[in-house]
Amino acid sequence: MHYNINLRNSVIRKITEYGLITVSIWIIVAGVYFFKFPNHFAFGGVTGFSAVVSRLTHWSASDFTFIVNMSLVVLGFLFLGTDVGVKTVYASLVMSVSLSVMERVYPMASPMTHDPMLELVFAIFLPAVGSAVLFNIGASSGGTDIIAMILKEHTSMNIGTALLLVDVASVVTAFCVIGPTTGLYSLLGLMAKSLVIDGVIENINLCKCFNIICDNPDPICEYIIHELNRSATVYQAQGAFSHHNKTVIMTTMKRAQAVKLRNYIKRVEPSAFILISDSSEIIGKGFLTN
């Protein structure tokens, strides 16, 4: 019975995880297909080079992405074996197929709007959100990430530098092939992409850390444990001015829970001193694991 419950929970987790990967890839595809490809913005891995190749040869950017991604998946299996990662292969397949399907279902001969800056914002923001969610669950969209995995396994090359050189190369190519306007937009996109990804990841993981100095800790601890399903650390302290004994409750929780706890403390012990701080990287049970 216990084995069946664990198996069911494991299956549910896998379904949820791959569902999240699929939705994240579709968000990336929306940004790439509707905003990046029509404007030939050339920043970011395979799709960046695809935009340049499409402009230079009039070959479909979606089909070029499909061919390159599938080739990289094959190279991944040749050089890495099963270490290439099921999630990475799945994400790469979903992205490649989705781009090809979009081109046939909703072909785009020109940009959606006449405002390149507006389109650049969406070309940066949507893929950044999708990529951030993927990174947060330990997956990636494939493409140049597979090259990074191969380089990491077989060379001593700095992976971050290698990927940055690939991105810079696509931007330089855009300058030479398409022109300075698109090249400058691509450079701006390259600089903004990593900042947006980092910001989204931090907001996804953002938690509130509480240090509560109070006289009566029992109701607050009961509320944290039984109502919010969290735990806390309790220790004794002494006021520096009054020398009165105080209890300090230290706990961490998600933002929605933090609002409930703050309102509860104000109601049951208005004189409590509450220090609330933000943290986007908490490692331990109930949060990120090592």
Protein backbone atom coordinates (compact mmCIF):
# COMPACT_ATOMS: atom_id res chain seq x y z
CA MET A 1 0.00 0.00 0.00
CA HIS A 2 2.79 2.39 0.98
CA TYR A 3 4.68 1.47 -2.22
CA ASN A 4 1.58 2.22 -4.35
CA ILE A 5 1.17 5.65 -2.74
CA ASN A 6 4.84 6.50 -3.36
CA LEU A 7 4.55 5.30 -6.96
CA ARG A 8 1.41 7.37 -7.53
CA ASN A 9 3.05 10.47 -6.03
CA SER A 10 6.13 9.91 -8.19
CA VAL A 11 3.99 9.62 -11.33
CA ILE A 12 2.06 12.79 -10.41
CA ARG A 13 5.33 14.67 -9.85
CA LYS A 14 6.67 13.53 -13.23
CA ILE A 15 3.47 14.51 -15.04
CA THR A 16 3.49 17.91 -13.34
CA GLU A 17 7.16 18.43 -14.13
CA TYR A 18 6.83 17.57 -17.82
CA GLY A 19 3.63 19.60 -18.05
CA LEU A 20 5.55 22.57 -16.67
CA ILE A 21 8.37 21.97 -19.17
CA THR A 22 5.86 21.86 -22.03
CA VAL A 23 4.13 25.11 -21.01
CA SER A 24 7.51 26.82 -20.51
CA ILE A 25 8.66 25.76 -23.98
CA TRP A 26 5.43 27.07 -25.51
CA ILE A 27 6.04 30.43 -23.83
CA ILE A 28 9.53 30.48 -25.36
CA VAL A 29 8.11 29.47 -28.76
CA ALA A 30 5.57 32.32 -28.63
CA GLY A 31 8.32 34.87 -28.02
CA VAL A 32 10.62 33.42 -30.65
CA TYR A 33 8.08 32.82 -33.41
CA PHE A 34 5.87 35.91 -33.10
CA PHE A 35 8.50 38.48 -32.15
CA LYS A 36 12.07 37.25 -32.65
CA PHE A 37 11.95 35.58 -36.07
CA PRO A 38 9.87 38.20 -37.95
CA ASN A 39 12.25 40.98 -36.83
CA HIS A 40 15.40 38.87 -37.36
CA PHE A 41 16.60 39.59 -33.82
CA ALA A 42 19.81 37.57 -33.57
CA PHE A 43 20.50 36.97 -29.89
CA GLY A 44 20.46 33.70 -28.02
CA GLY A 45 21.81 30.42 -29.31
CA VAL A 46 20.27 28.44 -32.17
CA THR A 47 17.25 30.69 -32.70
CA GLY A 48 19.58 33.71 -32.97
CA PHE A 49 21.53 32.11 -35.80
CA SER A 50 18.27 30.88 -37.34
CA ALA A 51 17.05 34.49 -37.64
CA VAL A 52 20.25 35.45 -39.49
CA VAL A 53 20.19 32.39 -41.78
CA SER A 54 16.53 33.07 -42.60
CA ARG A 55 17.32 36.64 -43.64
CA LEU A 56 20.40 35.62 -45.62
CA THR A 57 19.01 32.58 -47.47
CA HIS A 58 15.19 33.03 -47.13
CA TRP A 59 15.17 29.58 -45.59
CA SER A 60 12.54 29.02 -42.89
CA ALA A 61 13.93 29.96 -39.48
CA SER A 62 11.66 27.37 -37.83
CA ASP A 63 12.86 24.56 -40.10
CA PHE A 64 16.50 25.58 -39.62
CA THR A 65 15.98 25.53 -35.83
CA PHE A 66 14.38 22.07 -36.11
CA ILE A 67 17.29 20.64 -38.13
CA VAL A 68 19.99 22.14 -35.88
CA ASN A 69 18.27 21.12 -32.65
CA MET A 70 17.76 17.54 -33.84
CA SER A 71 21.39 17.40 -34.98
CA LEU A 72 22.51 18.61 -31.55
CA VAL A 73 20.35 15.98 -29.84
CA VAL A 74 22.05 13.28 -31.96
CA LEU A 75 25.48 14.75 -31.10
CA GLY A 76 24.46 14.75 -27.45
CA PHE A 77 23.71 11.04 -27.53
CA LEU A 78 26.94 10.31 -29.45
CA PHE A 79 29.20 12.25 -27.06
CA LEU A 80 27.28 11.99 -23.78
CA GLY A 81 25.17 8.85 -24.07
CA THR A 82 22.22 8.86 -21.69
CA ASP A 83 23.81 11.74 -19.74
CA VAL A 84 22.37 14.15 -22.33
CA GLY A 85 19.28 14.20 -20.11
CA VAL A 86 15.71 13.15 -20.87
CA LYS A 87 14.36 16.59 -19.95
CA THR A 88 16.72 18.36 -22.33
CA VAL A 89 15.87 16.01 -25.21
CA TYR A 90 12.13 16.34 -24.52
CA ALA A 91 12.32 20.14 -24.32
CA SER A 92 14.37 20.33 -27.53
CA LEU A 93 11.86 18.12 -29.37
CA VAL A 94 8.85 20.09 -28.14
CA MET A 95 10.45 23.39 -29.11
CA SER A 96 11.52 22.25 -32.58
CA VAL A 97 8.19 20.62 -33.42
CA SER A 98 6.17 23.54 -32.01
CA LEU A 99 8.07 26.10 -34.12
CA SER A 100 7.53 24.04 -37.27
CA VAL A 101 3.83 23.56 -36.49
CA MET A 102 3.37 27.28 -35.83
CA GLU A 103 4.89 28.15 -39.20
CA ARG A 104 2.41 25.93 -40.98
CA VAL A 105 -0.64 26.84 -38.90
CA TYR A 106 0.02 30.59 -38.60
CA PRO A 107 2.59 31.74 -41.19
CA MET A 108 4.00 35.23 -40.63
CA ALA A 109 5.40 37.20 -43.56
CA SER A 110 6.11 40.36 -41.53
CA PRO A 111 6.32 41.56 -37.91
CA MET A 112 3.13 41.74 -35.89
CA THR A 113 3.48 45.50 -35.28
CA HIS A 114 5.44 48.42 -36.68
CA ASP A 115 7.24 49.08 -33.38
CA PRO A 116 10.55 47.15 -33.21
CA MET A 117 11.24 48.20 -29.61
CA LEU A 118 7.87 46.86 -28.45
CA GLU A 119 8.53 43.60 -30.27
CA LEU A 120 12.04 43.40 -28.80
CA VAL A 121 10.56 43.62 -25.30
CA PHE A 122 8.34 40.59 -25.95
CA ALA A 123 11.15 38.78 -27.80
CA ILE A 124 13.24 39.13 -24.63
CA PHE A 125 10.59 38.76 -21.93
CA LEU A 126 8.64 35.67 -23.08
CA PRO A 127 11.69 33.41 -23.73
CA ALA A 128 13.30 34.70 -20.53
CA VAL A 129 10.25 33.71 -18.47
CA GLY A 130 10.11 30.27 -20.08
CA SER A 131 13.86 29.72 -19.67
CA ALA A 132 13.74 30.84 -16.03
CA VAL A 133 11.03 28.29 -15.22
CA LEU A 134 13.05 25.57 -16.98
CA PHE A 135 16.26 26.45 -15.15
CA ASN A 136 14.36 26.51 -11.88
CA ILE A 137 13.27 22.87 -12.28
CA GLY A 138 16.65 21.69 -13.57
CA ALA A 139 15.80 21.57 -17.28
CA SER A 140 16.80 23.53 -20.38
CA SER A 141 15.49 24.16 -23.89
CA GLY A 142 18.32 22.19 -25.53
CA GLY A 143 20.12 23.79 -28.47
CA THR A 144 23.42 25.36 -27.41
CA ASP A 145 22.93 23.94 -23.90
CA ILE A 146 23.75 20.53 -25.38
CA ILE A 147 26.96 21.97 -26.83
CA ALA A 148 27.76 23.29 -23.34
CA MET A 149 27.21 19.82 -21.86
CA ILE A 150 29.53 18.26 -24.45
CA LEU A 151 32.24 20.88 -23.85
CA LYS A 152 31.94 20.40 -20.10
CA GLU A 153 32.34 16.64 -20.44
CA HIS A 154 35.22 16.54 -22.94
CA THR A 155 37.17 19.80 -22.52
CA SER A 156 38.36 22.17 -19.82
CA MET A 157 36.81 25.17 -21.59
CA ASN A 158 34.84 27.65 -19.49
CA ILE A 159 31.23 26.88 -20.42
CA GLY A 160 29.86 30.33 -19.63
CA THR A 161 32.49 31.93 -21.85
CA ALA A 162 31.78 29.45 -24.68
CA LEU A 163 28.04 30.15 -24.63
CA LEU A 164 28.62 33.90 -24.45
CA LEU A 165 30.91 33.69 -27.51
CA VAL A 166 28.16 31.86 -29.42
CA ASP A 167 25.65 34.59 -28.53
CA VAL A 168 28.08 37.37 -29.43
CA ALA A 169 28.86 35.66 -32.73
CA SER A 170 25.16 35.68 -33.67
CA VAL A 171 24.92 39.40 -32.84
CA VAL A 172 28.06 40.23 -34.88
CA THR A 173 26.64 38.20 -37.77
CA ALA A 174 23.42 40.22 -37.54
CA PHE A 175 25.45 43.45 -37.80
CA CYS A 176 27.22 42.19 -40.93
CA VAL A 177 24.32 40.45 -42.68
CA ILE A 178 21.18 42.38 -41.72
CA GLY A 179 22.48 45.82 -40.77
CA PRO A 180 23.34 48.02 -37.78
CA THR A 181 19.74 48.66 -36.70
CA THR A 182 18.88 44.99 -36.24
CA GLY A 183 22.39 44.40 -34.90
CA LEU A 184 21.95 47.02 -32.20
CA TYR A 185 18.51 45.67 -31.26
CA SER A 186 20.08 42.19 -31.03
CA LEU A 187 22.90 43.50 -28.85
CA LEU A 188 20.36 45.14 -26.55
CA GLY A 189 18.43 41.87 -26.39
CA LEU A 190 21.58 39.93 -25.55
CA MET A 191 22.43 42.28 -22.66
CA ALA A 192 18.87 42.28 -21.29
CA LYS A 193 18.19 38.54 -21.61
CA SER A 194 20.30 37.30 -18.72
CA LEU A 195 19.12 40.13 -16.45
CA VAL A 196 15.47 39.27 -17.09
CA ILE A 197 16.09 35.53 -16.55
CA ASP A 198 17.85 36.20 -13.23
CA GLY A 199 15.06 38.52 -12.14
CA VAL A 200 12.32 36.02 -12.97
CA ILE A 201 14.13 33.17 -11.16
CA GLU A 202 14.55 35.35 -8.07
CA ASN A 203 10.84 36.24 -8.08
CA ILE A 204 9.81 32.61 -8.54
CA ASN A 205 11.88 31.56 -5.51
CA LEU A 206 11.25 34.67 -3.41
CA CYS A 207 10.41 33.89 0.22
CA LYS A 208 9.91 35.96 3.33
CA CYS A 209 12.16 35.46 6.35
CA PHE A 210 10.65 36.40 9.74
CA ASN A 211 12.37 37.28 12.98
CA ILE A 212 9.59 37.82 15.52
CA ILE A 213 10.48 39.19 18.97
CA CYS A 214 7.55 38.66 21.32
CA ASP A 215 6.46 37.87 24.89
CA ASN A 216 4.03 35.04 24.13
CA PRO A 217 5.36 32.74 21.38
CA ASP A 218 2.95 29.80 21.81
CA PRO A 219 -0.04 31.10 19.76
CA ILE A 220 2.26 32.28 16.97
CA CYS A 221 4.12 28.96 16.82
CA GLU A 222 0.83 27.05 16.85
CA TYR A 223 -0.41 29.13 13.93
CA ILE A 224 2.83 28.62 11.95
CA ILE A 225 2.80 24.84 12.46
CA HIS A 226 -0.90 23.97 12.22
CA GLU A 227 -2.34 26.65 9.96
CA LEU A 228 0.57 27.42 7.63
CA ASN A 229 2.20 23.96 7.72
CA ARG A 230 5.62 25.43 8.36
CA SER A 231 8.11 25.13 11.17
CA ALA A 232 10.12 27.63 13.18
CA THR A 233 13.16 28.00 15.40
CA VAL A 234 12.61 29.51 18.85
CA TYR A 235 15.27 30.92 21.13
CA GLN A 236 15.51 33.24 24.12
CA ALA A 237 16.92 36.76 24.03
CA GLN A 238 17.18 39.80 26.26
CA GLY A 239 16.35 43.41 25.48
CA ALA A 240 19.47 45.59 25.53
CA PHE A 241 17.68 48.59 27.07
CA SER A 242 15.00 47.01 29.29
CA HIS A 243 16.87 43.74 30.08
CA HIS A 244 13.51 41.98 29.83
CA ASN A 245 13.51 38.40 28.60
CA LYS A 246 12.05 37.98 25.12
CA THR A 247 11.38 35.07 22.78
CA VAL A 248 12.58 35.20 19.19
CA ILE A 249 10.79 33.11 16.54
CA MET A 250 12.64 32.60 13.29
CA THR A 251 10.72 31.18 10.31
CA THR A 252 10.60 31.33 6.50
CA MET A 253 7.66 30.95 4.14
CA LYS A 254 6.17 31.81 0.78
CA ARG A 255 4.76 35.27 0.14
CA ALA A 256 1.07 34.35 0.46
CA GLN A 257 1.73 32.63 3.80
CA ALA A 258 3.80 35.62 4.95
CA VAL A 259 0.83 37.97 4.58
CA LYS A 260 -1.34 35.66 6.69
CA LEU A 261 1.31 35.37 9.42
CA ARG A 262 1.90 39.11 9.57
CA ASN A 263 -1.83 39.81 9.93
CA TYR A 264 -2.17 37.11 12.59
CA ILE A 265 0.69 38.49 14.69
CA LYS A 266 -0.76 42.00 14.53
CA ARG A 267 -4.04 40.58 15.82
CA VAL A 268 -2.80 38.34 18.68
CA GLU A 269 0.25 40.34 19.83
CA PRO A 270 0.31 43.90 18.44
CA SER A 271 3.40 44.79 20.51
CA ALA A 272 5.58 42.14 18.83
CA PHE A 273 8.59 43.39 16.91
CA ILE A 274 8.69 41.81 13.42
CA LEU A 275 11.66 41.89 11.08
CA ILE A 276 10.76 40.66 7.56
CA SER A 277 13.38 40.22 4.84
CA ASP A 278 13.40 38.80 1.31
CA SER A 279 15.42 35.79 0.23
CA SER A 280 15.41 34.01 -3.14
CA GLU A 281 17.79 31.19 -2.21
CA ILE A 282 16.77 29.04 0.75
CA ILE A 283 18.11 25.51 0.94
CA GLY A 284 16.45 22.94 3.15
CA LYS A 285 13.34 20.86 3.68
CA GLY A 286 10.29 22.47 2.12
CA PHE A 287 12.40 24.74 -0.10
CA LEU A 288 15.35 24.08 -2.45
CA THR A 289 17.34 20.90 -1.88
CA ASN A 290 21.11 20.63 -1.98
